[in-house]
């Protein structure tokens, strides 16, 4: 991931999130880029906006089912995310940096960190709903072992 892409993603976020703080995410998914979209739902997601000098640094955290995330990455080099922060605040993150635990037990959920890179784009509520409706969810109990 080029540093320029991360910087550009952060610039877009700086324009949207003016204040330092923690922002609750109502709903979030990691999804494949191509149709048919496969994805996983995240739990307990939030964004943190921190100030570093004259810039804001944005990253998020969520709880993820590790084995489901591994399954998505097996067939896809890059994954995207969509997040819902309330009415009128839906976002599409193209190819964010995703860092998660390396435990592969079928029952383990752990913390995942994500960092916007080359996009943090606001999308209309109806487009967000259409994407969510099209996702084929990878369920923890359906993951191959």
Protein backbone atom coordinates (compact mmCIF):
# COMPACT_ATOMS: atom_id res chain seq x y z
CA UNK A 1 0.00 0.00 0.00
CA UNK A 2 1.54 3.28 -1.10
CA UNK A 3 1.92 5.99 1.54
CA UNK A 4 0.28 8.44 -0.88
CA UNK A 5 -2.92 6.35 -0.88
CA UNK A 6 -3.09 6.35 2.91
CA UNK A 7 -2.48 10.11 3.00
CA UNK A 8 -5.25 10.71 0.42
CA UNK A 9 -7.68 8.56 2.39
CA UNK A 10 -6.85 10.48 5.54
CA UNK A 11 -7.39 13.84 3.76
CA UNK A 12 -10.93 12.81 2.80
CA UNK A 13 -11.64 11.71 6.35
CA UNK A 14 -10.23 14.96 7.79
CA UNK A 15 -12.80 16.88 5.78
CA UNK A 16 -15.69 14.78 7.15
CA UNK A 17 -14.74 14.35 10.79
CA UNK A 18 -13.91 17.77 12.16
CA UNK A 19 -13.61 16.85 15.82
CA UNK A 20 -11.28 14.48 17.58
CA UNK A 21 -13.15 11.64 19.25
CA UNK A 22 -14.78 8.25 18.94
CA UNK A 23 -17.66 7.75 16.50
CA UNK A 24 -20.01 4.78 16.83
CA UNK A 25 -20.65 2.73 13.70
CA UNK A 26 -24.18 1.32 13.66
CA UNK A 27 -23.46 -1.38 11.07
CA UNK A 28 -20.39 -2.42 9.10
CA UNK A 29 -19.38 -5.10 6.61
CA UNK A 30 -16.17 -6.30 5.00
CA UNK A 31 -17.11 -7.16 1.41
CA UNK A 32 -15.63 -8.44 -1.81
CA UNK A 33 -15.21 -5.93 -4.59
CA UNK A 34 -16.95 -7.89 -7.33
CA UNK A 35 -20.48 -9.19 -7.82
CA UNK A 36 -21.83 -11.35 -6.39
CA UNK A 37 -20.61 -9.70 -3.21
CA UNK A 38 -19.62 -11.94 -0.36
CA UNK A 39 -19.05 -10.41 3.04
CA UNK A 40 -19.01 -10.58 6.79
CA UNK A 41 -20.81 -8.44 9.33
CA UNK A 42 -18.70 -6.70 11.94
CA UNK A 43 -19.73 -6.17 15.54
CA UNK A 44 -19.07 -3.36 18.03
CA UNK A 45 -17.50 -1.13 15.37
CA UNK A 46 -16.29 2.43 15.89
CA UNK A 47 -14.02 5.06 14.31
CA UNK A 48 -11.40 6.98 16.24
CA UNK A 49 -10.25 10.41 15.07
CA UNK A 50 -6.99 11.52 16.64
CA UNK A 51 -4.95 14.65 16.06
CA UNK A 52 -1.32 14.35 15.07
CA UNK A 53 0.11 17.83 14.67
CA UNK A 54 -1.94 19.63 12.02
CA UNK A 55 -3.46 16.39 10.71
CA UNK A 56 -6.13 14.00 11.86
CA UNK A 57 -5.46 10.28 11.93
CA UNK A 58 -8.47 8.02 11.50
CA UNK A 59 -8.72 4.32 12.14
CA UNK A 60 -11.49 1.99 13.18
CA UNK A 61 -11.96 -1.10 15.26
CA UNK A 62 -14.53 -3.86 15.27
CA UNK A 63 -15.04 -7.43 16.39
CA UNK A 64 -14.69 -9.97 13.60
CA UNK A 65 -14.96 -13.72 13.17
CA UNK A 66 -11.37 -14.54 12.22
CA UNK A 67 -12.03 -17.64 10.15
CA UNK A 68 -14.68 -15.84 8.09
CA UNK A 69 -12.23 -13.02 7.35
CA UNK A 70 -9.58 -15.56 6.32
CA UNK A 71 -12.10 -17.18 3.97
CA UNK A 72 -12.78 -13.83 2.28
CA UNK A 73 -9.06 -13.16 1.84
CA UNK A 74 -8.43 -16.65 0.39
CA UNK A 75 -10.14 -15.78 -2.88
CA UNK A 76 -9.70 -11.99 -2.87
CA UNK A 77 -6.52 -9.97 -2.76
CA UNK A 78 -8.39 -6.83 -1.78
CA UNK A 79 -11.53 -6.29 0.26
CA UNK A 80 -13.70 -3.22 0.72
CA UNK A 81 -15.85 -2.05 3.60
CA UNK A 82 -19.17 -0.30 3.95
CA UNK A 83 -20.15 1.44 7.14
CA UNK A 84 -23.36 2.96 8.45
CA UNK A 85 -23.00 5.79 10.94
CA UNK A 86 -26.66 6.81 10.84
CA UNK A 87 -29.09 8.33 8.38
CA UNK A 88 -27.21 10.26 5.70
CA UNK A 89 -23.84 8.97 6.92
CA UNK A 90 -23.08 5.83 4.92
CA UNK A 91 -19.56 5.27 3.61
CA UNK A 92 -17.72 3.02 1.17
CA UNK A 93 -14.07 2.30 1.96
CA UNK A 94 -12.15 0.89 -0.98
CA UNK A 95 -9.30 -1.42 0.00
CA UNK A 96 -8.73 -0.29 3.60
CA UNK A 97 -5.80 -1.70 5.53
CA UNK A 98 -7.23 -4.54 7.63
CA UNK A 99 -5.35 -5.96 10.59
CA UNK A 100 -6.81 -8.80 12.64
CA UNK A 101 -5.78 -11.57 15.00
CA UNK A 102 -4.18 -14.71 13.69
CA UNK A 103 -6.27 -17.22 15.65
CA UNK A 104 -8.09 -19.62 13.33
CA UNK A 105 -10.35 -21.50 15.71
CA UNK A 106 -13.90 -21.80 14.30
CA UNK A 107 -15.37 -20.17 17.41
CA UNK A 108 -12.98 -17.23 17.88
CA UNK A 109 -13.98 -13.60 17.38
CA UNK A 110 -11.31 -10.97 17.91
CA UNK A 111 -10.51 -7.33 17.42
CA UNK A 112 -9.92 -6.03 13.92
CA UNK A 113 -8.36 -2.68 13.06
CA UNK A 114 -9.00 -0.89 9.78
CA UNK A 115 -7.43 2.20 8.29
CA UNK A 116 -8.92 4.09 5.33
CA UNK A 117 -6.54 4.26 2.38
CA UNK A 118 -7.45 5.57 -1.05
CA UNK A 119 -11.16 6.16 -0.45
CA UNK A 120 -13.59 7.04 2.27
CA UNK A 121 -16.55 7.98 0.14
CA UNK A 122 -20.00 8.96 1.35
CA UNK A 123 -22.71 7.04 -0.49
CA UNK A 124 -26.48 7.62 -0.56
CA UNK A 125 -28.59 5.66 1.93
CA UNK A 126 -30.39 3.80 -0.87
CA UNK A 127 -27.07 2.71 -2.46
CA UNK A 128 -25.87 1.46 0.92
CA UNK A 129 -29.10 -0.52 1.37
CA UNK A 130 -28.78 -2.03 -2.12
CA UNK A 131 -25.22 -3.18 -1.36
CA UNK A 132 -26.22 -4.66 2.01
CA UNK A 133 -29.17 -6.47 0.41
CA UNK A 134 -26.84 -8.00 -2.20
CA UNK A 135 -24.24 -9.36 0.25
CA UNK A 136 -23.97 -13.13 0.60
CA UNK A 137 -22.91 -13.38 4.24
CA UNK A 138 -20.20 -15.78 5.28
CA UNK A 139 -21.58 -17.23 8.50
CA UNK A 140 -19.25 -18.48 11.24
CA UNK A 141 -20.97 -21.89 11.33
CA UNK A 142 -20.74 -22.18 7.51
CA UNK A 143 -16.99 -21.63 7.31
CA UNK A 144 -15.15 -24.67 5.97
CA UNK A 145 -12.73 -26.26 8.41
